[in-house]
Amino acid sequence: MDWPSNEDCYPAMKDFAIYYMEGEQQTKWLSIIEDGLNIGKFSSGKGFLHEIDRVIKASSKPSMPNRAELYQLICTVCI
């Protein structure tokens, strides 16, 4: 079985950030994601999951179509 990599995780994080986050929070996380990809840094998935959970609970947006799969991918890489 192949485990997902950081290169798989960051796009999932970016999808969540673009869909659910707004303003400074979105800008902050998109910057962290871009920096991580550029330097090959291990993703900040635990912190991201904590923030995205809070944002999702407060959001009135419908659930992302592939939310469960993306969330699981981030968890697999980061936890």
C-alpha atoms as a PDB file:
ATOM      1  CA  MET A   1       0.000   0.000   0.000  1.00  0.00           C
ATOM      2  CA  ASP A   2       1.336   3.427  -0.934  1.00  0.00           C
ATOM      3  CA  TRP A   3       1.024   6.135   1.695  1.00  0.00           C
ATOM      4  CA  PRO A   4       0.127   9.651   0.598  1.00  0.00           C
ATOM      5  CA  SER A   5       2.935  12.193   0.689  1.00  0.00           C
ATOM      6  CA  ASN A   6       3.229  15.878   1.509  1.00  0.00           C
ATOM      7  CA  GLU A   7       2.797  16.535  -2.189  1.00  0.00           C
ATOM      8  CA  ASP A   8      -0.602  14.819  -1.942  1.00  0.00           C
ATOM      9  CA  CYS A   9      -1.545  16.505   1.336  1.00  0.00           C
ATOM     10  CA  TYR A  10      -0.927  20.137   0.421  1.00  0.00           C
ATOM     11  CA  PRO A  11      -3.410  20.218  -2.491  1.00  0.00           C
ATOM     12  CA  ALA A  12      -6.079  18.744  -0.194  1.00  0.00           C
ATOM     13  CA  MET A  13      -5.345  21.436   2.383  1.00  0.00           C
ATOM     14  CA  LYS A  14      -5.497  24.086  -0.333  1.00  0.00           C
ATOM     15  CA  ASP A  15      -8.899  22.827  -1.519  1.00  0.00           C
ATOM     16  CA  PHE A  16     -10.288  23.123   2.023  1.00  0.00           C
ATOM     17  CA  ALA A  17      -8.745  26.573   2.537  1.00  0.00           C
ATOM     18  CA  ILE A  18     -10.137  27.937  -0.716  1.00  0.00           C
ATOM     19  CA  TYR A  19     -13.592  26.468  -0.177  1.00  0.00           C
ATOM     20  CA  TYR A  20     -14.171  27.186   3.526  1.00  0.00           C
ATOM     21  CA  MET A  21     -11.781  29.892   4.715  1.00  0.00           C
ATOM     22  CA  GLU A  22     -11.982  33.624   4.082  1.00  0.00           C
ATOM     23  CA  GLY A  23      -9.920  36.764   4.530  1.00  0.00           C
ATOM     24  CA  GLU A  24      -6.766  36.774   6.619  1.00  0.00           C
ATOM     25  CA  GLN A  25      -7.217  33.180   7.732  1.00  0.00           C
ATOM     26  CA  GLN A  26      -7.373  31.984   4.125  1.00  0.00           C
ATOM     27  CA  THR A  27      -4.398  34.142   3.139  1.00  0.00           C
ATOM     28  CA  LYS A  28      -2.371  32.807   6.082  1.00  0.00           C
ATOM     29  CA  TRP A  29      -3.031  29.157   5.266  1.00  0.00           C
ATOM     30  CA  LEU A  30      -2.539  29.515   1.521  1.00  0.00           C
ATOM     31  CA  SER A  31       0.842  31.102   2.270  1.00  0.00           C
ATOM     32  CA  ILE A  32       1.799  28.277   4.669  1.00  0.00           C
ATOM     33  CA  ILE A  33       0.740  25.694   2.077  1.00  0.00           C
ATOM     34  CA  GLU A  34       2.677  27.395  -0.736  1.00  0.00           C
ATOM     35  CA  ASP A  35       5.789  27.784   1.426  1.00  0.00           C
ATOM     36  CA  GLY A  36       5.608  24.146   2.462  1.00  0.00           C
ATOM     37  CA  LEU A  37       5.402  22.974  -1.122  1.00  0.00           C
ATOM     38  CA  ASN A  38       8.264  25.214  -2.219  1.00  0.00           C
ATOM     39  CA  ILE A  39      10.696  24.098   0.472  1.00  0.00           C
ATOM     40  CA  GLY A  40       9.469  20.512   0.895  1.00  0.00           C
ATOM     41  CA  LYS A  41       8.522  21.079   4.519  1.00  0.00           C
ATOM     42  CA  PHE A  42       6.325  18.582   6.359  1.00  0.00           C
ATOM     43  CA  SER A  43       2.786  19.914   6.365  1.00  0.00           C
ATOM     44  CA  SER A  44       1.190  21.628   9.366  1.00  0.00           C
ATOM     45  CA  GLY A  45      -1.766  19.302   9.141  1.00  0.00           C
ATOM     46  CA  LYS A  46      -2.705  19.067  12.822  1.00  0.00           C
ATOM     47  CA  GLY A  47      -2.987  22.834  13.192  1.00  0.00           C
ATOM     48  CA  PHE A  48      -4.778  23.047   9.880  1.00  0.00           C
ATOM     49  CA  LEU A  49      -7.277  20.331  10.840  1.00  0.00           C
ATOM     50  CA  HIS A  50      -8.016  22.119  14.104  1.00  0.00           C
ATOM     51  CA  GLU A  51      -8.735  25.382  12.294  1.00  0.00           C
ATOM     52  CA  ILE A  52     -10.661  23.846   9.419  1.00  0.00           C
ATOM     53  CA  ASP A  53     -12.888  21.914  11.854  1.00  0.00           C
ATOM     54  CA  ARG A  54     -13.832  25.193  13.538  1.00  0.00           C
ATOM     55  CA  VAL A  55     -14.462  26.898  10.191  1.00  0.00           C
ATOM     56  CA  ILE A  56     -16.581  24.028   8.851  1.00  0.00           C
ATOM     57  CA  LYS A  57     -18.772  24.011  11.982  1.00  0.00           C
ATOM     58  CA  ALA A  58     -19.418  27.747  11.602  1.00  0.00           C
ATOM     59  CA  SER A  59     -19.861  27.668   7.826  1.00  0.00           C
ATOM     60  CA  SER A  60     -23.204  27.838   6.079  1.00  0.00           C
ATOM     61  CA  LYS A  61     -21.672  26.434   2.882  1.00  0.00           C
ATOM     62  CA  PRO A  62     -22.723  22.967   1.761  1.00  0.00           C
ATOM     63  CA  SER A  63     -20.201  20.210   2.377  1.00  0.00           C
ATOM     64  CA  MET A  64     -17.495  19.802  -0.239  1.00  0.00           C
ATOM     65  CA  PRO A  65     -18.254  16.858  -2.540  1.00  0.00           C
ATOM     66  CA  ASN A  66     -15.014  15.023  -1.660  1.00  0.00           C
ATOM     67  CA  ARG A  67     -14.642  16.355   1.879  1.00  0.00           C
ATOM     68  CA  ALA A  68     -14.291  12.974   3.620  1.00  0.00           C
ATOM     69  CA  GLU A  69     -11.597  11.729   1.237  1.00  0.00           C
ATOM     70  CA  LEU A  70      -9.564  14.926   1.449  1.00  0.00           C
ATOM     71  CA  TYR A  71      -9.865  15.041   5.233  1.00  0.00           C
ATOM     72  CA  GLN A  72      -8.743  11.411   5.497  1.00  0.00           C
ATOM     73  CA  LEU A  73      -5.768  12.110   3.238  1.00  0.00           C
ATOM     74  CA  ILE A  74      -4.645  14.997   5.460  1.00  0.00           C
ATOM     75  CA  CYS A  75      -5.084  12.849   8.581  1.00  0.00           C
ATOM     76  CA  THR A  76      -3.102   9.976   7.067  1.00  0.00           C
ATOM     77  CA  VAL A  77      -0.140  12.207   6.246  1.00  0.00           C
ATOM     78  CA  CYS A  78      -0.116  14.363   9.378  1.00  0.00           C
ATOM     79  CA  ILE A  79      -1.326  12.335  12.320  1.00  0.00           C
END
